Amino acid sequence: MRTNGKQPVVLLALNRVDQAADLDALRSAGVCSIEPGVGSFEGRVELCYAIPVEQFTDKVRSLLRECNQGAVFFLDNQYNAWLATHENDYAGYNHDGPGRASYVGEFRETSEIQAKKQKGWSCFGGKYYVAK
């Protein structure tokens, strides 16, 4: 059984190519803990960011809408991955009622070669991850 000791986070992208501008925008939205990375969603490589779930506020949601971001991943305290879409205002896995995020699997470390065989992967701190 996996432990519950991980910090729940949201993985998001802003659909831009300027990391400094992304970081400034996230900080302006009130996010103070940001881990930059790179990832692929549906086969498209993009800059991505991990932020604590408690900092995923209405201001961050508004920023995502401004950037035409289609989806985000929620990782719970066991790193189960949940996909939330803009159609439901990025409602998380703990949201009650319709629009709840969809479970996509366990977010786990893998090799770069194995990760890049998938349409969706993330890389933080030189480590590659997939949700399966």
N, C-alpha and C. Protein backbone atom coordinates (compact mmCIF):
# COMPACT_ATOMS: atom_id res chain seq x y z
N MET A 1 0.84 -1.18 0.00
CA MET A 1 0.00 0.00 0.00
C MET A 1 0.88 1.24 0.00
N ARG A 2 0.50 2.22 -0.79
CA ARG A 2 1.26 3.47 -0.85
C ARG A 2 0.96 4.33 0.37
N THR A 3 1.89 5.18 0.73
CA THR A 3 1.71 6.04 1.89
C THR A 3 1.00 7.33 1.49
N ASN A 4 0.46 8.01 2.47
CA ASN A 4 -0.28 9.25 2.24
C ASN A 4 0.56 10.48 2.51
N GLY A 5 1.87 10.38 2.46
CA GLY A 5 2.72 11.47 2.89
C GLY A 5 3.10 12.50 1.85
N LYS A 6 2.53 12.44 0.66
CA LYS A 6 2.93 13.38 -0.38
C LYS A 6 2.06 14.63 -0.35
N GLN A 7 2.64 15.73 -0.78
CA GLN A 7 1.93 17.00 -0.87
C GLN A 7 1.01 16.97 -2.09
N PRO A 8 -0.31 17.10 -1.92
CA PRO A 8 -1.19 17.18 -3.09
C PRO A 8 -0.84 18.40 -3.94
N VAL A 9 -0.76 18.20 -5.24
CA VAL A 9 -0.39 19.27 -6.15
C VAL A 9 -1.31 19.29 -7.37
N VAL A 10 -1.23 20.40 -8.09
CA VAL A 10 -1.89 20.54 -9.38
C VAL A 10 -0.80 20.74 -10.41
N LEU A 11 -0.86 19.99 -11.50
CA LEU A 11 0.05 20.16 -12.63
C LEU A 11 -0.69 20.95 -13.69
N LEU A 12 -0.08 22.02 -14.15
CA LEU A 12 -0.74 22.87 -15.13
C LEU A 12 0.26 23.43 -16.12
N ALA A 13 -0.26 23.93 -17.23
CA ALA A 13 0.55 24.62 -18.23
C ALA A 13 -0.22 25.87 -18.64
N LEU A 14 0.51 26.85 -19.16
CA LEU A 14 -0.13 28.09 -19.59
C LEU A 14 -0.10 28.27 -21.10
N ASN A 15 0.34 27.25 -21.84
CA ASN A 15 0.36 27.28 -23.31
C ASN A 15 1.23 28.40 -23.87
N ARG A 16 2.32 28.68 -23.20
CA ARG A 16 3.26 29.70 -23.67
C ARG A 16 4.65 29.10 -23.78
N VAL A 17 5.59 29.87 -24.30
CA VAL A 17 6.97 29.38 -24.43
C VAL A 17 7.95 30.19 -23.58
N ASP A 18 7.46 31.08 -22.76
CA ASP A 18 8.31 31.93 -21.93
C ASP A 18 8.12 31.58 -20.46
N GLN A 19 9.06 30.80 -19.91
CA GLN A 19 8.94 30.36 -18.53
C GLN A 19 8.94 31.53 -17.55
N ALA A 20 9.78 32.52 -17.79
CA ALA A 20 9.84 33.67 -16.87
C ALA A 20 8.49 34.38 -16.81
N ALA A 21 7.83 34.56 -17.95
CA ALA A 21 6.51 35.20 -17.98
C ALA A 21 5.48 34.33 -17.28
N ASP A 22 5.56 33.01 -17.47
CA ASP A 22 4.64 32.09 -16.78
C ASP A 22 4.80 32.21 -15.27
N LEU A 23 6.04 32.18 -14.81
CA LEU A 23 6.29 32.26 -13.36
C LEU A 23 5.79 33.57 -12.80
N ASP A 24 6.01 34.68 -13.51
CA ASP A 24 5.51 35.98 -13.07
C ASP A 24 3.98 35.98 -13.00
N ALA A 25 3.34 35.40 -14.01
CA ALA A 25 1.87 35.36 -14.04
C ALA A 25 1.33 34.52 -12.88
N LEU A 26 1.96 33.38 -12.61
CA LEU A 26 1.51 32.54 -11.50
C LEU A 26 1.71 33.24 -10.16
N ARG A 27 2.85 33.91 -10.01
CA ARG A 27 3.10 34.66 -8.76
C ARG A 27 2.08 35.79 -8.60
N SER A 28 1.75 36.46 -9.71
CA SER A 28 0.75 37.53 -9.66
C SER A 28 -0.63 37.00 -9.28
N ALA A 29 -0.86 35.71 -9.57
CA ALA A 29 -2.13 35.08 -9.20
C ALA A 29 -2.10 34.54 -7.77
N GLY A 30 -1.00 34.79 -7.05
CA GLY A 30 -0.92 34.40 -5.64
C GLY A 30 -0.23 33.08 -5.36
N VAL A 31 0.38 32.48 -6.38
CA VAL A 31 1.07 31.21 -6.17
C VAL A 31 2.49 31.52 -5.72
N CYS A 32 2.91 30.97 -4.58
CA CYS A 32 4.25 31.25 -4.08
C CYS A 32 5.16 30.03 -4.09
N SER A 33 4.62 28.86 -4.36
CA SER A 33 5.43 27.64 -4.44
C SER A 33 5.19 27.01 -5.81
N ILE A 34 6.21 27.11 -6.67
CA ILE A 34 6.08 26.65 -8.06
C ILE A 34 7.28 25.79 -8.42
N GLU A 35 7.02 24.58 -8.90
CA GLU A 35 8.10 23.74 -9.42
C GLU A 35 7.95 23.64 -10.93
N PRO A 36 8.87 24.27 -11.68
CA PRO A 36 8.78 24.21 -13.15
C PRO A 36 9.22 22.86 -13.68
N GLY A 37 8.66 22.50 -14.80
CA GLY A 37 9.02 21.25 -15.48
C GLY A 37 8.66 21.34 -16.94
N VAL A 38 8.67 20.21 -17.58
CA VAL A 38 8.26 20.10 -18.98
C VAL A 38 7.44 18.82 -19.09
N GLY A 39 6.51 18.83 -20.00
CA GLY A 39 5.69 17.63 -20.14
C GLY A 39 5.05 17.56 -21.51
N SER A 40 4.32 16.49 -21.71
CA SER A 40 3.59 16.28 -22.95
C SER A 40 2.16 15.93 -22.57
N PHE A 41 1.22 16.61 -23.21
CA PHE A 41 -0.20 16.30 -23.02
C PHE A 41 -0.79 16.07 -24.40
N GLU A 42 -1.33 14.88 -24.60
CA GLU A 42 -1.89 14.48 -25.89
C GLU A 42 -0.86 14.66 -27.01
N GLY A 43 0.40 14.37 -26.68
CA GLY A 43 1.47 14.39 -27.67
C GLY A 43 2.10 15.75 -27.92
N ARG A 44 1.65 16.80 -27.25
CA ARG A 44 2.20 18.14 -27.44
C ARG A 44 3.08 18.51 -26.26
N VAL A 45 4.37 18.77 -26.51
CA VAL A 45 5.32 19.12 -25.45
C VAL A 45 5.10 20.58 -25.04
N GLU A 46 5.11 20.81 -23.72
CA GLU A 46 4.85 22.15 -23.20
C GLU A 46 5.55 22.35 -21.86
N LEU A 47 5.76 23.60 -21.50
CA LEU A 47 6.24 23.93 -20.16
C LEU A 47 5.11 23.62 -19.19
N CYS A 48 5.45 23.07 -18.04
CA CYS A 48 4.42 22.78 -17.05
C CYS A 48 4.93 23.16 -15.67
N TYR A 49 3.99 23.21 -14.72
CA TYR A 49 4.31 23.66 -13.38
C TYR A 49 3.52 22.85 -12.37
N ALA A 50 4.15 22.53 -11.26
CA ALA A 50 3.47 21.89 -10.14
C ALA A 50 3.30 22.93 -9.05
N ILE A 51 2.06 23.07 -8.58
CA ILE A 51 1.79 24.01 -7.49
C ILE A 51 0.98 23.28 -6.41
N PRO A 52 1.11 23.70 -5.15
CA PRO A 52 0.31 23.07 -4.09
C PRO A 52 -1.18 23.25 -4.37
N VAL A 53 -1.95 22.23 -4.11
CA VAL A 53 -3.38 22.27 -4.41
C VAL A 53 -4.09 23.42 -3.69
N GLU A 54 -3.63 23.78 -2.51
CA GLU A 54 -4.28 24.87 -1.78
C GLU A 54 -4.02 26.24 -2.42
N GLN A 55 -3.04 26.33 -3.33
CA GLN A 55 -2.78 27.58 -4.04
C GLN A 55 -3.46 27.62 -5.40
N PHE A 56 -4.25 26.60 -5.72
CA PHE A 56 -5.01 26.56 -6.97
C PHE A 56 -6.34 27.29 -6.74
N THR A 57 -6.26 28.61 -6.83
CA THR A 57 -7.37 29.50 -6.48
C THR A 57 -8.16 29.93 -7.71
N ASP A 58 -9.20 30.71 -7.47
CA ASP A 58 -9.99 31.26 -8.58
C ASP A 58 -9.13 32.13 -9.49
N LYS A 59 -8.14 32.83 -8.93
CA LYS A 59 -7.24 33.65 -9.76
C LYS A 59 -6.42 32.77 -10.71
N VAL A 60 -5.98 31.62 -10.23
CA VAL A 60 -5.22 30.69 -11.08
C VAL A 60 -6.15 30.12 -12.16
N ARG A 61 -7.37 29.75 -11.78
CA ARG A 61 -8.34 29.25 -12.76
C ARG A 61 -8.60 30.29 -13.85
N SER A 62 -8.72 31.55 -13.44
CA SER A 62 -8.94 32.64 -14.40
C SER A 62 -7.75 32.76 -15.35
N LEU A 63 -6.55 32.65 -14.81
CA LEU A 63 -5.34 32.70 -15.64
C LEU A 63 -5.34 31.56 -16.65
N LEU A 64 -5.72 30.37 -16.22
CA LEU A 64 -5.79 29.22 -17.13
C LEU A 64 -6.79 29.47 -18.25
N ARG A 65 -7.94 30.05 -17.92
CA ARG A 65 -8.93 30.36 -18.96
C ARG A 65 -8.38 31.39 -19.94
N GLU A 66 -7.68 32.41 -19.44
CA GLU A 66 -7.07 33.43 -20.30
C GLU A 66 -6.07 32.81 -21.28
N CYS A 67 -5.38 31.77 -20.83
CA CYS A 67 -4.35 31.11 -21.64
C CYS A 67 -4.92 29.94 -22.47
N ASN A 68 -6.24 29.80 -22.47
CA ASN A 68 -6.90 28.72 -23.22
C ASN A 68 -6.39 27.34 -22.85
N GLN A 69 -6.14 27.13 -21.57
CA GLN A 69 -5.67 25.82 -21.10
C GLN A 69 -6.87 24.88 -20.98
N GLY A 70 -6.76 23.72 -21.63
CA GLY A 70 -7.87 22.79 -21.67
C GLY A 70 -8.01 21.91 -20.45
N ALA A 71 -6.92 21.64 -19.73
CA ALA A 71 -7.01 20.69 -18.63
C ALA A 71 -5.84 20.86 -17.67
N VAL A 72 -6.03 20.34 -16.46
CA VAL A 72 -4.97 20.26 -15.45
C VAL A 72 -5.03 18.88 -14.81
N PHE A 73 -3.94 18.48 -14.18
CA PHE A 73 -3.91 17.24 -13.40
C PHE A 73 -3.86 17.57 -11.93
N PHE A 74 -4.69 16.91 -11.15
CA PHE A 74 -4.61 16.95 -9.70
C PHE A 74 -3.90 15.67 -9.27
N LEU A 75 -2.94 15.79 -8.37
CA LEU A 75 -2.29 14.63 -7.75
C LEU A 75 -2.63 14.66 -6.27
N ASP A 76 -3.27 13.60 -5.78
CA ASP A 76 -3.64 13.56 -4.36
C ASP A 76 -2.44 13.17 -3.51
N ASN A 77 -2.67 12.90 -2.23
CA ASN A 77 -1.55 12.63 -1.32
C ASN A 77 -0.90 11.26 -1.53
N GLN A 78 -1.42 10.45 -2.44
CA GLN A 78 -0.77 9.20 -2.84
C GLN A 78 -0.29 9.29 -4.29
N TYR A 79 -0.45 10.44 -4.89
CA TYR A 79 -0.13 10.73 -6.29
C TYR A 79 -0.98 9.93 -7.26
N ASN A 80 -2.26 9.73 -6.90
CA ASN A 80 -3.24 9.32 -7.89
C ASN A 80 -3.48 10.54 -8.76
N ALA A 81 -3.58 10.36 -10.06
CA ALA A 81 -3.74 11.48 -10.99
C ALA A 81 -5.19 11.59 -11.44
N TRP A 82 -5.69 12.82 -11.44
CA TRP A 82 -7.06 13.13 -11.82
C TRP A 82 -7.03 14.24 -12.85
N LEU A 83 -7.72 14.06 -13.97
CA LEU A 83 -7.77 15.04 -15.04
C LEU A 83 -9.01 15.91 -14.87
N ALA A 84 -8.80 17.22 -14.79
CA ALA A 84 -9.90 18.18 -14.68
C ALA A 84 -9.85 19.10 -15.89
N THR A 85 -11.00 19.41 -16.46
CA THR A 85 -11.05 20.18 -17.70
C THR A 85 -11.63 21.58 -17.50
N HIS A 86 -11.38 22.44 -18.48
CA HIS A 86 -11.90 23.80 -18.41
C HIS A 86 -13.42 23.83 -18.51
N GLU A 87 -14.02 22.84 -19.16
CA GLU A 87 -15.49 22.82 -19.27
C GLU A 87 -16.16 22.78 -17.90
N ASN A 88 -15.48 22.18 -16.94
CA ASN A 88 -16.04 22.10 -15.58
C ASN A 88 -15.27 22.98 -14.60
N ASP A 89 -14.63 24.05 -15.13
CA ASP A 89 -13.88 25.00 -14.34
C ASP A 89 -12.80 24.32 -13.49
N TYR A 90 -12.17 23.29 -14.07
CA TYR A 90 -11.05 22.61 -13.44
C TYR A 90 -11.41 22.06 -12.06
N ALA A 91 -12.62 21.51 -11.94
CA ALA A 91 -13.09 20.95 -10.66
C ALA A 91 -12.26 19.74 -10.29
N GLY A 92 -11.78 19.67 -9.05
CA GLY A 92 -10.88 18.62 -8.61
C GLY A 92 -11.55 17.31 -8.25
N TYR A 93 -10.74 16.36 -7.82
CA TYR A 93 -11.21 15.03 -7.46
C TYR A 93 -12.08 15.04 -6.21
N ASN A 94 -11.94 16.08 -5.38
CA ASN A 94 -12.72 16.16 -4.15
C ASN A 94 -13.99 17.01 -4.33
N HIS A 95 -14.27 17.38 -5.57
CA HIS A 95 -15.46 18.16 -5.90
C HIS A 95 -16.70 17.27 -5.83
N ASP A 96 -17.72 17.73 -5.16
CA ASP A 96 -18.98 16.98 -5.09
C ASP A 96 -19.87 17.35 -6.28
N GLY A 97 -20.52 16.37 -6.83
CA GLY A 97 -21.49 16.63 -7.89
C GLY A 97 -20.89 16.49 -9.28
N PRO A 98 -21.65 16.93 -10.28
CA PRO A 98 -21.20 16.80 -11.67
C PRO A 98 -19.95 17.64 -11.91
N GLY A 99 -19.15 17.21 -12.86
CA GLY A 99 -17.95 17.95 -13.20
C GLY A 99 -16.71 17.53 -12.45
N ARG A 100 -16.83 16.50 -11.66
CA ARG A 100 -15.68 16.01 -10.90
C ARG A 100 -14.59 15.52 -11.86
N ALA A 101 -13.34 15.71 -11.48
CA ALA A 101 -12.21 15.27 -12.30
C ALA A 101 -12.26 13.75 -12.52
N SER A 102 -11.66 13.32 -13.62
CA SER A 102 -11.64 11.90 -13.98
C SER A 102 -10.32 11.25 -13.56
N TYR A 103 -10.42 10.10 -12.93
CA TYR A 103 -9.22 9.37 -12.50
C TYR A 103 -8.51 8.80 -13.73
N VAL A 104 -7.18 9.01 -13.81
CA VAL A 104 -6.41 8.50 -14.95
C VAL A 104 -5.31 7.53 -14.56
N GLY A 105 -5.06 7.35 -13.27
CA GLY A 105 -4.07 6.37 -12.84
C GLY A 105 -3.10 6.92 -11.82
N GLU A 106 -2.14 6.09 -11.48
CA GLU A 106 -1.11 6.46 -10.51
C GLU A 106 0.01 7.20 -11.22
N PHE A 107 0.39 8.35 -10.68
CA PHE A 107 1.48 9.16 -11.22
C PHE A 107 2.78 8.58 -10.66
N ARG A 108 3.57 7.97 -11.53
CA ARG A 108 4.78 7.30 -11.03
C ARG A 108 5.98 7.54 -11.93
N GLU A 109 7.14 7.42 -11.31
CA GLU A 109 8.40 7.64 -12.02
C GLU A 109 8.68 6.50 -12.99
N THR A 110 9.28 6.87 -14.12
CA THR A 110 9.65 5.90 -15.14
C THR A 110 10.89 6.43 -15.86
N SER A 111 11.42 5.67 -16.77
CA SER A 111 12.58 6.12 -17.53
C SER A 111 12.15 7.13 -18.60
N GLU A 112 13.08 7.93 -19.06
CA GLU A 112 12.79 8.89 -20.13
C GLU A 112 12.29 8.16 -21.37
N ILE A 113 12.94 7.05 -21.72
CA ILE A 113 12.55 6.29 -22.91
C ILE A 113 11.11 5.80 -22.80
N GLN A 114 10.76 5.23 -21.66
CA GLN A 114 9.39 4.73 -21.46
C GLN A 114 8.38 5.88 -21.42
N ALA A 115 8.74 6.98 -20.78
CA ALA A 115 7.83 8.12 -20.69
C ALA A 115 7.51 8.66 -22.07
N LYS A 116 8.53 8.82 -22.90
CA LYS A 116 8.33 9.46 -24.20
C LYS A 116 7.63 8.55 -25.21
N LYS A 117 7.38 7.32 -24.84
CA LYS A 117 6.55 6.43 -25.66
C LYS A 117 5.06 6.74 -25.46
N GLN A 118 4.75 7.50 -24.41
CA GLN A 118 3.37 7.84 -24.07
C GLN A 118 3.01 9.21 -24.65
N LYS A 119 1.72 9.45 -24.85
CA LYS A 119 1.26 10.77 -25.29
C LYS A 119 1.33 11.78 -24.15
N GLY A 120 1.26 11.29 -22.92
CA GLY A 120 1.30 12.17 -21.77
C GLY A 120 2.39 11.77 -20.80
N TRP A 121 3.26 12.72 -20.46
CA TRP A 121 4.32 12.49 -19.49
C TRP A 121 4.73 13.84 -18.90
N SER A 122 5.44 13.79 -17.79
CA SER A 122 5.97 15.00 -17.15
C SER A 122 7.40 14.75 -16.71
N CYS A 123 8.18 15.82 -16.66
CA CYS A 123 9.55 15.74 -16.19
C CYS A 123 9.79 16.89 -15.22
N PHE A 124 10.14 16.53 -13.99
CA PHE A 124 10.48 17.50 -12.95
C PHE A 124 11.80 17.08 -12.34
N GLY A 125 12.74 18.02 -12.26
CA GLY A 125 14.03 17.74 -11.66
C GLY A 125 14.78 16.61 -12.34
N GLY A 126 14.61 16.47 -13.64
CA GLY A 126 15.31 15.43 -14.39
C GLY A 126 14.68 14.03 -14.27
N LYS A 127 13.57 13.92 -13.54
CA LYS A 127 12.88 12.64 -13.38
C LYS A 127 11.60 12.66 -14.21
N TYR A 128 11.35 11.55 -14.89
CA TYR A 128 10.17 11.43 -15.77
C TYR A 128 9.05 10.66 -15.06
N TYR A 129 7.81 11.10 -15.35
CA TYR A 129 6.64 10.50 -14.71
C TYR A 129 5.53 10.31 -15.74
N VAL A 130 4.74 9.27 -15.53
CA VAL A 130 3.52 9.03 -16.31
C VAL A 130 2.41 8.65 -15.35
N ALA A 131 1.18 8.85 -15.80
CA ALA A 131 0.02 8.42 -15.03
C ALA A 131 -0.56 7.19 -15.71
N LYS A 132 -0.55 6.06 -14.98
CA LYS A 132 -1.08 4.80 -15.53
C LYS A 132 -1.85 4.07 -14.47
